[in-house]
N, C-alpha and C. Protein backbone atom coordinates (compact mmCIF):
# COMPACT_ATOMS: atom_id res chain seq x y z
N MET A 1 0.84 -1.19 0.00
CA MET A 1 0.00 0.00 0.00
C MET A 1 0.89 1.25 0.00
N PHE A 2 0.42 2.26 -0.66
CA PHE A 2 1.15 3.53 -0.75
C PHE A 2 0.82 4.40 0.46
N TYR A 3 1.85 4.87 1.16
CA TYR A 3 1.63 5.72 2.33
C TYR A 3 2.03 7.17 2.09
N SER A 4 3.07 7.34 1.35
CA SER A 4 3.56 8.71 1.17
C SER A 4 4.63 8.73 0.09
N ILE A 5 4.80 9.86 -0.52
CA ILE A 5 5.89 10.04 -1.47
C ILE A 5 7.23 10.01 -0.73
N LEU A 6 7.23 10.47 0.50
CA LEU A 6 8.47 10.57 1.28
C LEU A 6 8.88 9.27 1.95
N PHE A 7 7.91 8.40 2.27
CA PHE A 7 8.20 7.20 3.04
C PHE A 7 7.70 5.97 2.28
N LYS A 8 8.61 5.01 2.08
CA LYS A 8 8.26 3.82 1.30
C LYS A 8 7.43 2.81 2.10
N THR A 9 7.66 2.75 3.40
CA THR A 9 6.97 1.73 4.20
C THR A 9 6.09 2.36 5.26
N LYS A 10 5.18 1.56 5.78
CA LYS A 10 4.29 2.03 6.84
C LYS A 10 5.09 2.36 8.10
N GLU A 11 6.14 1.59 8.38
CA GLU A 11 6.96 1.83 9.56
C GLU A 11 7.63 3.19 9.49
N GLN A 12 8.16 3.53 8.33
CA GLN A 12 8.77 4.85 8.17
C GLN A 12 7.73 5.95 8.31
N TYR A 13 6.57 5.71 7.75
CA TYR A 13 5.50 6.69 7.80
C TYR A 13 5.03 6.94 9.23
N ASP A 14 4.98 5.88 10.04
CA ASP A 14 4.47 5.98 11.41
C ASP A 14 5.48 6.52 12.41
N GLN A 15 6.75 6.59 12.05
CA GLN A 15 7.77 7.08 12.98
C GLN A 15 7.53 8.54 13.33
N LYS A 16 7.85 8.87 14.57
CA LYS A 16 7.74 10.27 14.98
C LYS A 16 8.79 11.09 14.27
N ARG A 17 8.43 12.30 13.95
CA ARG A 17 9.35 13.21 13.27
C ARG A 17 9.48 14.51 14.07
N CYS A 18 10.59 15.15 13.88
CA CYS A 18 10.83 16.42 14.54
C CYS A 18 9.92 17.48 13.91
N ILE A 19 9.16 18.16 14.74
CA ILE A 19 8.27 19.20 14.21
C ILE A 19 8.68 20.60 14.66
N ASP A 20 9.77 20.66 15.42
CA ASP A 20 10.26 21.97 15.86
C ASP A 20 11.01 22.63 14.72
N GLU A 21 10.82 23.92 14.60
CA GLU A 21 11.53 24.63 13.54
C GLU A 21 12.98 24.84 13.94
N PRO A 22 13.89 24.82 12.98
CA PRO A 22 15.30 25.07 13.28
C PRO A 22 15.52 26.51 13.75
N ASP A 23 16.58 26.70 14.48
CA ASP A 23 16.89 28.04 14.99
C ASP A 23 17.06 29.06 13.87
N CYS A 24 17.55 28.62 12.74
CA CYS A 24 17.78 29.56 11.64
C CYS A 24 16.47 30.09 11.05
N PHE A 25 15.33 29.49 11.38
CA PHE A 25 14.04 29.95 10.87
C PHE A 25 13.40 31.01 11.76
N LYS A 26 13.98 31.30 12.88
CA LYS A 26 13.36 32.22 13.84
C LYS A 26 13.10 33.59 13.25
N ASP A 27 14.07 34.14 12.56
CA ASP A 27 13.89 35.48 12.03
C ASP A 27 14.43 35.55 10.61
N LEU A 28 13.57 35.30 9.66
CA LEU A 28 13.97 35.37 8.26
C LEU A 28 13.59 36.70 7.62
N ASN A 29 12.99 37.58 8.41
CA ASN A 29 12.55 38.88 7.92
C ASN A 29 11.58 38.74 6.76
N LEU A 30 10.75 37.75 6.82
CA LEU A 30 9.77 37.54 5.75
C LEU A 30 8.79 38.70 5.64
N ASN A 31 8.53 39.34 6.76
CA ASN A 31 7.63 40.49 6.70
C ASN A 31 8.19 41.59 5.80
N GLN A 32 9.50 41.78 5.82
CA GLN A 32 10.11 42.79 4.95
C GLN A 32 10.02 42.38 3.49
N ILE A 33 10.19 41.12 3.23
CA ILE A 33 10.11 40.62 1.86
C ILE A 33 8.70 40.79 1.32
N PHE A 34 7.70 40.37 2.10
CA PHE A 34 6.32 40.48 1.64
C PHE A 34 5.86 41.93 1.53
N ASP A 35 6.32 42.77 2.44
CA ASP A 35 5.98 44.19 2.34
C ASP A 35 6.49 44.79 1.03
N LEU A 36 7.70 44.44 0.67
CA LEU A 36 8.29 44.95 -0.56
C LEU A 36 7.53 44.42 -1.78
N ILE A 37 7.20 43.15 -1.77
CA ILE A 37 6.44 42.56 -2.88
C ILE A 37 5.09 43.23 -3.03
N LEU A 38 4.39 43.41 -1.93
CA LEU A 38 3.06 44.02 -1.99
C LEU A 38 3.14 45.49 -2.41
N LYS A 39 4.16 46.17 -1.94
CA LYS A 39 4.34 47.57 -2.33
C LYS A 39 4.58 47.66 -3.84
N ASN A 40 5.44 46.80 -4.36
CA ASN A 40 5.72 46.80 -5.79
C ASN A 40 4.48 46.42 -6.60
N LYS A 41 3.70 45.54 -6.08
CA LYS A 41 2.48 45.13 -6.78
C LYS A 41 1.50 46.30 -6.88
N LYS A 42 1.38 47.06 -5.80
CA LYS A 42 0.50 48.24 -5.82
C LYS A 42 0.99 49.28 -6.83
N VAL A 43 2.30 49.46 -6.87
CA VAL A 43 2.87 50.42 -7.82
C VAL A 43 2.59 49.97 -9.25
N LEU A 44 2.76 48.70 -9.51
CA LEU A 44 2.50 48.18 -10.86
C LEU A 44 1.05 48.32 -11.24
N LEU A 45 0.14 48.13 -10.30
CA LEU A 45 -1.28 48.28 -10.58
C LEU A 45 -1.61 49.73 -10.93
N ILE A 46 -1.02 50.65 -10.21
CA ILE A 46 -1.24 52.08 -10.47
C ILE A 46 -0.70 52.46 -11.84
N ILE A 47 0.49 51.98 -12.15
CA ILE A 47 1.09 52.28 -13.47
C ILE A 47 0.26 51.68 -14.58
N HIS A 48 -0.19 50.48 -14.38
CA HIS A 48 -0.98 49.80 -15.41
C HIS A 48 -2.31 50.50 -15.69
N ARG A 49 -2.90 51.07 -14.68
CA ARG A 49 -4.19 51.77 -14.84
C ARG A 49 -4.03 53.05 -15.64
N ASN A 50 -2.88 53.66 -15.53
CA ASN A 50 -2.66 54.95 -16.23
C ASN A 50 -2.20 54.71 -17.58
């Protein structure tokens, strides 16, 4: 039976996995990235309308 793309057997699928995020994920400044993307999107919409 197929359990997962990642795990070939049921035993592998049923094993506990680490769900804690790594320390390097604590502050990726994603808010700054998304703010910039959204700001640029608004600018492009304004330019496109004119």
